[in-house]
Amino acid sequence: MTSAPARIRLTQYAHGGGCACKIPPGELEAVVAGLTGTGPADPAAELVVGLDDGDDAAVVRLPGGQGLVLTTDFFTPVVDDAHTFGRIAAANALSDVYAMGGTPVVAVNLLGWPRDVLPAELAAEVLRGGLEVAQAAGCHVGGGHSIDDPEPKYGMAVTGVVDVDRLIRNDAAAAGTPLSLTKPLGVGVLNSRMKATGEVSEEAVASMTALNRDAGRAAVAAGIRAGTDVTGFGLLGHLYKMARASGVTAVVDAAAVPYLTGAWQALADGFVSGGTRRNLDWVRPHTDLSAVSEDEALLLADAQTSGGLLLAGEVPGAPVIGEFVPRQDAVVVVRQRSGGRAVAQRTAVS
């Protein structure tokens, strides 16, 4: 009698998972510092958004006023199931186009696979998951590139279109504007728990596989011109980049920030990634965290994978979690208006 084959856990073949495996933001900015402000002597098109402020995607202006949005994103497995991994990675890659107010049109796959270690059938499942999400977004998948890699990795390079006059960018936040978040936080600690224990949060998976399409469309319809998505640098990291680029201070009402069920418990149990700790270390010198505990600061810096949109404005269904104000000493201020951590915990399970 033959035994059933052992279940393969993809996360055990990678040193990190999802957007938590990004190069730390401070290190990354140092690496690309000499690459900004440069361009070809005779450009074929105008670069509207480039590398200067670390926005979500590049945008070039086409004849007639339409813009072309270009982005890429890939990472190591954030869940064990191959098909789900593909869905999450695709939703995450498409998110950058939505964060710019654009519509994805065509994508190509990026696949790294340890072909002598993991079966090709699993790689096919990853690609099938990515294809399903892209098709749900109305986006073609036109091929891609693969390499033999010691760790499994997957993502997409995505091209989209955008109305340049209605572009959403991270350097356009204005003082007096409310701050909204379209998905709850906590994906990072829940995924760290899953990697360590095998316990899957279906709520986290649903959040990561959900497209930011409707949120992006709602933001454009509401006339919002400043925003970003929340991924590997956490809420605090992406908000710091946005406020810094815009010359304003972002004020976060910590009690208004929504969390996925179980996020606080996963934090209490110690499932905090190194990427999250590095995020907090990076923003700490520029952020007033005096109103919250270290634990709450860690959740606000939690490295998200395929997180929501962070918008300078209001959209239906998204909680307002703060506001932008004229620049103060701190670029980001976290305040606690409604009774502290207990309120945030109630938010997580409501």
Protein backbone atom coordinates (compact mmCIF):
# COMPACT_ATOMS: atom_id res chain seq x y z
CA MET A 1 0.00 0.00 0.00
CA THR A 2 1.51 3.31 -1.04
CA SER A 3 1.26 6.34 1.20
CA ALA A 4 -0.20 9.63 0.05
CA PRO A 5 2.38 12.18 -1.16
CA ALA A 6 3.43 14.74 1.41
CA ARG A 7 1.86 18.17 1.03
CA ILE A 8 4.33 20.72 -0.30
CA ARG A 9 4.41 24.00 1.64
CA LEU A 10 5.77 26.65 -0.72
CA THR A 11 6.64 29.09 2.07
CA GLN A 12 9.21 26.64 3.43
CA TYR A 13 11.30 27.09 0.27
CA ALA A 14 11.79 30.84 0.73
CA HIS A 15 13.64 32.92 3.31
CA GLY A 16 10.84 35.51 3.41
CA GLY A 17 7.34 35.89 2.10
CA GLY A 18 5.44 38.33 -0.08
CA CYS A 19 6.24 42.01 0.15
CA ALA A 20 7.96 41.45 3.51
CA CYS A 21 10.97 40.25 1.49
CA LYS A 22 11.48 43.68 -0.09
CA ILE A 23 14.87 45.38 0.28
CA PRO A 24 14.46 47.73 3.30
CA PRO A 25 13.27 51.18 2.21
CA GLY A 26 16.29 53.08 3.54
CA GLU A 27 18.72 50.75 1.77
CA LEU A 28 16.71 50.90 -1.44
CA GLU A 29 16.67 54.69 -1.49
CA ALA A 30 20.46 54.72 -1.10
CA VAL A 31 20.84 52.26 -3.99
CA VAL A 32 18.75 54.32 -6.44
CA ALA A 33 19.84 57.76 -5.22
CA GLY A 34 22.16 58.38 -8.17
CA LEU A 35 19.60 57.27 -10.75
CA THR A 36 17.03 60.04 -10.33
CA GLY A 37 16.81 63.15 -12.50
CA THR A 38 18.42 61.46 -15.49
CA GLY A 39 17.00 60.66 -18.90
CA PRO A 40 17.80 60.20 -22.58
CA ALA A 41 19.09 63.17 -24.57
CA ASP A 42 16.33 62.73 -27.13
CA PRO A 43 13.36 61.02 -25.39
CA ALA A 44 10.69 59.35 -27.47
CA ALA A 45 8.01 60.39 -24.96
CA GLU A 46 7.64 62.63 -21.92
CA LEU A 47 8.22 60.92 -18.57
CA VAL A 48 5.43 62.25 -16.30
CA VAL A 49 6.22 60.12 -13.23
CA GLY A 50 9.61 58.51 -12.75
CA LEU A 51 11.91 57.43 -9.95
CA ASP A 52 12.26 60.72 -8.08
CA ASP A 53 9.61 60.21 -5.36
CA GLY A 54 9.38 56.42 -5.40
CA ASP A 55 5.86 56.37 -6.77
CA ASP A 56 4.00 53.14 -7.53
CA ALA A 57 4.58 53.10 -11.29
CA ALA A 58 6.20 55.01 -14.12
CA VAL A 59 3.97 57.09 -16.40
CA VAL A 60 4.78 58.43 -19.85
CA ARG A 61 2.57 60.79 -21.84
CA LEU A 62 1.34 59.54 -25.21
CA PRO A 63 0.11 61.73 -28.07
CA GLY A 64 -3.43 62.92 -27.34
CA GLY A 65 -2.99 63.23 -23.57
CA GLN A 66 -3.34 59.61 -22.57
CA GLY A 67 -0.65 58.12 -20.38
CA LEU A 68 1.05 54.74 -20.32
CA VAL A 69 1.52 53.21 -16.85
CA LEU A 70 4.34 50.70 -16.37
CA THR A 71 5.16 48.70 -13.26
CA THR A 72 6.53 45.37 -12.09
CA ASP A 73 6.29 43.38 -8.89
CA PHE A 74 7.31 39.88 -7.84
CA PHE A 75 8.09 38.08 -4.60
CA THR A 76 8.58 34.76 -2.82
CA PRO A 77 5.56 32.69 -1.68
CA VAL A 78 3.36 34.29 0.94
CA VAL A 79 1.07 31.24 1.20
CA ASP A 80 1.65 27.52 0.72
CA ASP A 81 -0.93 26.86 -1.99
CA ALA A 82 0.54 27.45 -5.47
CA HIS A 83 -2.66 28.61 -7.15
CA THR A 84 -3.42 31.06 -4.34
CA PHE A 85 0.16 32.36 -4.45
CA GLY A 86 -0.29 33.15 -8.13
CA ARG A 87 -3.56 34.97 -7.49
CA ILE A 88 -2.05 37.09 -4.71
CA ALA A 89 1.06 37.99 -6.70
CA ALA A 90 -1.00 39.04 -9.71
CA ALA A 91 -3.40 41.16 -7.64
CA ASN A 92 -0.40 42.81 -6.00
CA ALA A 93 1.27 43.62 -9.32
CA LEU A 94 -1.94 45.02 -10.82
CA SER A 95 -2.44 47.19 -7.74
CA ASP A 96 0.28 49.64 -8.74
CA VAL A 97 -1.68 50.57 -11.87
CA TYR A 98 -4.87 51.09 -9.88
CA ALA A 99 -2.93 53.18 -7.35
CA MET A 100 -2.05 55.60 -10.18
CA GLY A 101 -5.70 55.87 -11.26
CA GLY A 102 -5.07 53.69 -14.30
CA THR A 103 -6.46 50.57 -15.98
CA PRO A 104 -4.19 47.53 -16.58
CA VAL A 105 -4.16 46.42 -20.20
CA VAL A 106 -1.50 43.72 -20.60
CA ALA A 107 0.89 41.86 -18.30
CA VAL A 108 3.78 39.46 -18.72
CA ASN A 109 4.76 36.82 -16.18
CA LEU A 110 7.98 36.82 -14.14
CA LEU A 111 8.77 33.36 -12.75
CA GLY A 112 11.72 32.00 -10.80
CA TRP A 113 11.48 28.30 -10.02
CA PRO A 114 13.76 25.71 -8.33
CA ARG A 115 13.09 23.17 -11.04
CA ASP A 116 15.15 20.38 -9.42
CA VAL A 117 13.32 20.79 -6.12
CA LEU A 118 9.70 21.67 -6.86
CA PRO A 119 7.56 19.98 -9.55
CA ALA A 120 6.71 21.86 -12.72
CA GLU A 121 3.04 21.15 -12.07
CA LEU A 122 3.16 23.57 -9.12
CA ALA A 123 4.70 26.28 -11.30
CA ALA A 124 1.84 25.77 -13.74
CA GLU A 125 -0.62 26.27 -10.86
CA VAL A 126 1.09 29.53 -9.89
CA LEU A 127 0.78 30.80 -13.47
CA ARG A 128 -2.85 29.66 -13.67
CA GLY A 129 -3.69 31.62 -10.53
CA GLY A 130 -2.06 34.74 -11.93
CA LEU A 131 -3.89 34.34 -15.23
CA GLU A 132 -7.26 34.04 -13.49
CA VAL A 133 -6.81 37.28 -11.57
CA ALA A 134 -5.50 39.17 -14.61
CA GLN A 135 -8.45 37.99 -16.68
CA ALA A 136 -10.85 39.07 -13.92
CA ALA A 137 -9.22 42.50 -14.19
CA GLY A 138 -9.76 42.59 -17.95
CA CYS A 139 -5.99 42.44 -18.45
CA HIS A 140 -4.29 40.29 -21.08
CA VAL A 141 -1.34 38.06 -20.13
CA GLY A 142 0.97 37.97 -23.11
CA GLY A 143 3.81 35.67 -22.08
CA GLY A 144 6.73 36.44 -19.80
CA HIS A 145 10.10 35.19 -18.65
CA SER A 146 11.28 32.38 -16.38
CA ILE A 147 14.57 31.35 -14.77
CA ASP A 148 15.85 28.42 -12.73
CA ASP A 149 16.08 29.96 -9.25
CA PRO A 150 16.98 28.57 -5.80
CA GLU A 151 13.79 30.13 -4.39
CA PRO A 152 10.32 30.20 -5.99
CA LYS A 153 9.33 33.69 -7.08
CA TYR A 154 6.43 35.01 -9.12
CA GLY A 155 4.97 38.30 -10.24
CA MET A 156 4.14 40.35 -13.28
CA ALA A 157 5.25 43.33 -15.30
CA VAL A 158 2.07 45.27 -16.05
CA THR A 159 1.27 47.98 -18.59
CA GLY A 160 -1.83 50.10 -18.26
CA VAL A 161 -3.39 53.31 -19.50
CA VAL A 162 -4.36 56.44 -17.56
CA ASP A 163 -5.80 59.88 -18.19
CA VAL A 164 -2.77 62.05 -17.36
CA ASP A 165 -5.04 64.90 -16.25
CA ARG A 166 -6.65 62.57 -13.67
CA LEU A 167 -3.48 60.85 -12.54
CA ILE A 168 -3.11 59.80 -8.88
CA ARG A 169 0.43 60.26 -7.58
CA ASN A 170 2.18 60.19 -4.22
CA ASP A 171 3.47 63.79 -4.26
CA ALA A 172 0.13 65.60 -4.61
CA ALA A 173 -1.36 65.40 -1.09
CA ALA A 174 -2.63 68.76 0.16
CA ALA A 175 -3.10 70.00 3.72
CA GLY A 176 -6.72 69.88 4.86
CA THR A 177 -7.44 66.64 2.99
CA PRO A 178 -8.78 63.53 4.77
CA LEU A 179 -6.80 60.28 4.65
CA SER A 180 -8.61 57.05 3.71
CA LEU A 181 -7.55 53.39 3.68
CA THR A 182 -9.41 50.85 1.52
CA LYS A 183 -8.23 47.54 3.07
CA PRO A 184 -7.56 46.59 6.70
CA LEU A 185 -4.03 45.99 7.98
CA GLY A 186 -2.59 42.83 9.52
CA VAL A 187 -1.70 40.70 6.50
CA GLY A 188 1.97 40.63 7.47
CA VAL A 189 1.64 39.21 10.98
CA LEU A 190 -1.03 36.74 9.84
CA ASN A 191 1.19 35.52 7.02
CA SER A 192 4.15 35.19 9.41
CA ARG A 193 1.96 33.04 11.65
CA MET A 194 0.90 30.94 8.66
CA LYS A 195 4.52 30.40 7.58
CA ALA A 196 5.48 29.26 11.09
CA THR A 197 2.42 27.16 11.95
CA GLY A 198 0.54 26.39 8.74
CA GLU A 199 -2.56 28.14 10.11
CA VAL A 200 -4.21 30.00 7.21
CA SER A 201 -6.24 33.16 7.65
CA GLU A 202 -8.93 32.96 4.98
CA GLU A 203 -9.73 36.62 5.67
CA ALA A 204 -6.14 37.58 4.89
CA VAL A 205 -6.19 35.53 1.69
CA ALA A 206 -9.44 37.18 0.62
CA SER A 207 -7.95 40.61 1.26
CA MET A 208 -4.74 39.85 -0.68
CA THR A 209 -6.56 38.40 -3.70
CA ALA A 210 -9.08 41.25 -3.89
CA LEU A 211 -8.34 43.68 -6.70
CA ASN A 212 -7.99 47.40 -5.96
CA ARG A 213 -9.90 48.10 -9.19
CA ASP A 214 -13.11 49.42 -7.62
CA ALA A 215 -11.20 51.54 -5.10
CA GLY A 216 -9.07 53.02 -7.88
CA ARG A 217 -12.11 53.83 -10.01
CA ALA A 218 -13.89 55.38 -7.03
CA ALA A 219 -10.86 57.52 -6.26
CA VAL A 220 -10.69 58.84 -9.83
CA ALA A 221 -14.44 59.51 -9.84
CA ALA A 222 -14.10 61.44 -6.56
CA GLY A 223 -11.43 63.66 -8.08
CA ILE A 224 -8.67 62.31 -5.81
CA ARG A 225 -5.22 63.18 -7.12
CA ALA A 226 -2.94 61.83 -4.36
CA GLY A 227 -2.55 58.26 -3.22
CA THR A 228 -0.47 55.12 -3.08
CA ASP A 229 -0.97 51.48 -2.19
CA VAL A 230 0.13 49.87 1.07
CA THR A 231 2.55 47.02 0.51
CA GLY A 232 5.95 46.00 1.86
CA PHE A 233 6.87 49.27 3.61
CA GLY A 234 3.71 49.17 5.73
CA LEU A 235 1.16 51.90 6.33
CA LEU A 236 3.70 54.12 8.09
CA GLY A 237 6.38 53.65 5.44
CA HIS A 238 4.17 54.38 2.45
CA LEU A 239 2.48 57.26 4.25
CA TYR A 240 5.86 58.75 5.16
CA LYS A 241 6.94 58.61 1.51
CA MET A 242 3.68 60.26 0.43
CA ALA A 243 3.76 63.06 3.01
CA ARG A 244 7.47 63.71 2.46
CA ALA A 245 7.04 63.96 -1.31
CA SER A 246 4.02 66.28 -0.89
CA GLY A 247 5.62 68.62 1.66
CA VAL A 248 2.90 68.01 4.28
CA THR A 249 2.48 66.11 7.53
CA ALA A 250 0.19 63.08 7.74
CA VAL A 251 -1.78 62.66 10.95
CA VAL A 252 -3.09 59.15 11.66
CA ASP A 253 -5.90 58.46 14.13
CA ALA A 254 -4.69 55.05 15.31
CA ALA A 255 -8.08 54.08 16.75
CA ALA A 256 -9.68 54.47 13.31
CA VAL A 257 -7.28 52.10 11.51
CA PRO A 258 -9.02 48.78 10.65
CA TYR A 259 -7.32 45.42 11.21
CA LEU A 260 -8.01 41.90 10.03
CA THR A 261 -9.38 39.46 12.59
CA GLY A 262 -6.53 37.84 14.51
CA ALA A 263 -3.92 40.45 13.69
CA TRP A 264 -3.53 41.65 17.29
CA GLN A 265 -3.26 38.09 18.57
CA ALA A 266 -0.66 37.18 15.93
CA LEU A 267 1.32 40.24 17.03
CA ALA A 268 1.02 39.23 20.70
CA ASP A 269 2.25 35.74 19.79
CA GLY A 270 5.40 37.24 18.26
CA PHE A 271 4.75 36.69 14.54
CA VAL A 272 6.46 39.89 13.38
CA SER A 273 8.65 39.81 10.28
CA GLY A 274 12.07 41.38 10.05
CA GLY A 275 10.73 43.56 7.25
CA THR A 276 8.13 45.05 9.59
CA ARG A 277 10.75 45.86 12.22
CA ARG A 278 12.95 47.48 9.57
CA ASN A 279 9.97 49.55 8.37
CA LEU A 280 9.46 50.91 11.87
CA ASP A 281 13.16 51.64 12.33
CA TRP A 282 13.13 53.61 9.06
CA VAL A 283 10.16 55.84 9.85
CA ARG A 284 10.78 56.27 13.58
CA PRO A 285 13.10 59.33 13.27
CA HIS A 286 10.45 61.12 11.18
CA THR A 287 7.33 60.00 13.06
CA ASP A 288 5.72 61.04 16.34
CA LEU A 289 4.72 57.73 17.91
CA SER A 290 4.37 59.01 21.47
CA ALA A 291 0.61 58.34 21.61
CA VAL A 292 0.82 54.59 20.86
CA SER A 293 2.56 51.54 22.26
CA GLU A 294 5.45 49.78 20.54
CA ASP A 295 3.08 46.93 19.64
CA GLU A 296 0.64 49.28 17.93
CA ALA A 297 3.51 51.01 16.12
CA LEU A 298 4.62 47.60 14.80
CA LEU A 299 1.15 46.86 13.41
CA LEU A 300 1.05 50.26 11.74
CA ALA A 301 4.39 49.37 10.13
CA ASP A 302 3.34 45.78 9.33
CA ALA A 303 4.65 44.75 5.92
CA GLN A 304 1.54 44.22 3.78
CA THR A 305 1.18 42.12 0.66
CA SER A 306 -1.44 43.31 -1.86
CA GLY A 307 -2.75 45.88 0.60
CA GLY A 308 -5.30 48.58 0.02
CA LEU A 309 -5.09 52.09 -1.39
CA LEU A 310 -4.08 54.98 0.86
CA LEU A 311 -5.87 58.03 -0.50
CA ALA A 312 -5.93 61.79 0.07
CA GLY A 313 -9.69 62.01 -0.03
CA GLU A 314 -12.83 60.01 0.74
CA VAL A 315 -14.30 57.10 -1.20
CA PRO A 316 -17.44 55.10 -0.37
CA GLY A 317 -16.87 52.25 2.07
CA ALA A 318 -13.34 53.22 3.09
CA PRO A 319 -12.71 54.47 6.64
CA VAL A 320 -11.13 57.87 7.12
CA ILE A 321 -8.07 57.21 9.31
CA GLY A 322 -6.61 60.71 9.55
CA GLU A 323 -5.77 63.82 7.59
CA PHE A 324 -3.00 65.80 5.96
CA VAL A 325 -1.97 69.06 7.66
CA PRO A 326 0.70 71.69 6.98
CA ARG A 327 4.23 70.38 7.52
CA GLN A 328 5.22 70.05 11.18
CA ASP A 329 8.45 68.86 12.79
CA ALA A 330 7.37 65.25 12.26
CA VAL A 331 6.41 64.07 8.77
CA VAL A 332 3.94 61.57 10.26
CA VAL A 333 2.07 61.97 13.55
CA VAL A 334 0.15 59.09 15.14
CA ARG A 335 -2.50 60.24 17.58
CA GLN A 336 -4.92 58.27 19.72
CA ARG A 337 -8.34 59.93 19.85
CA SER A 338 -10.60 57.18 21.14
CA GLY A 339 -9.10 55.28 24.02
CA GLY A 340 -6.07 53.48 22.67
CA ARG A 341 -5.35 49.90 21.85
CA ALA A 342 -8.58 48.45 23.24
CA VAL A 343 -10.54 50.36 20.58
CA ALA A 344 -8.23 49.10 17.85
CA GLN A 345 -8.72 45.53 19.08
CA ARG A 346 -12.50 45.93 18.95
CA THR A 347 -12.15 47.24 15.39
CA ALA A 348 -10.25 44.07 14.45
CA VAL A 349 -13.11 41.74 15.41
CA SER A 350 -16.16 43.87 14.64
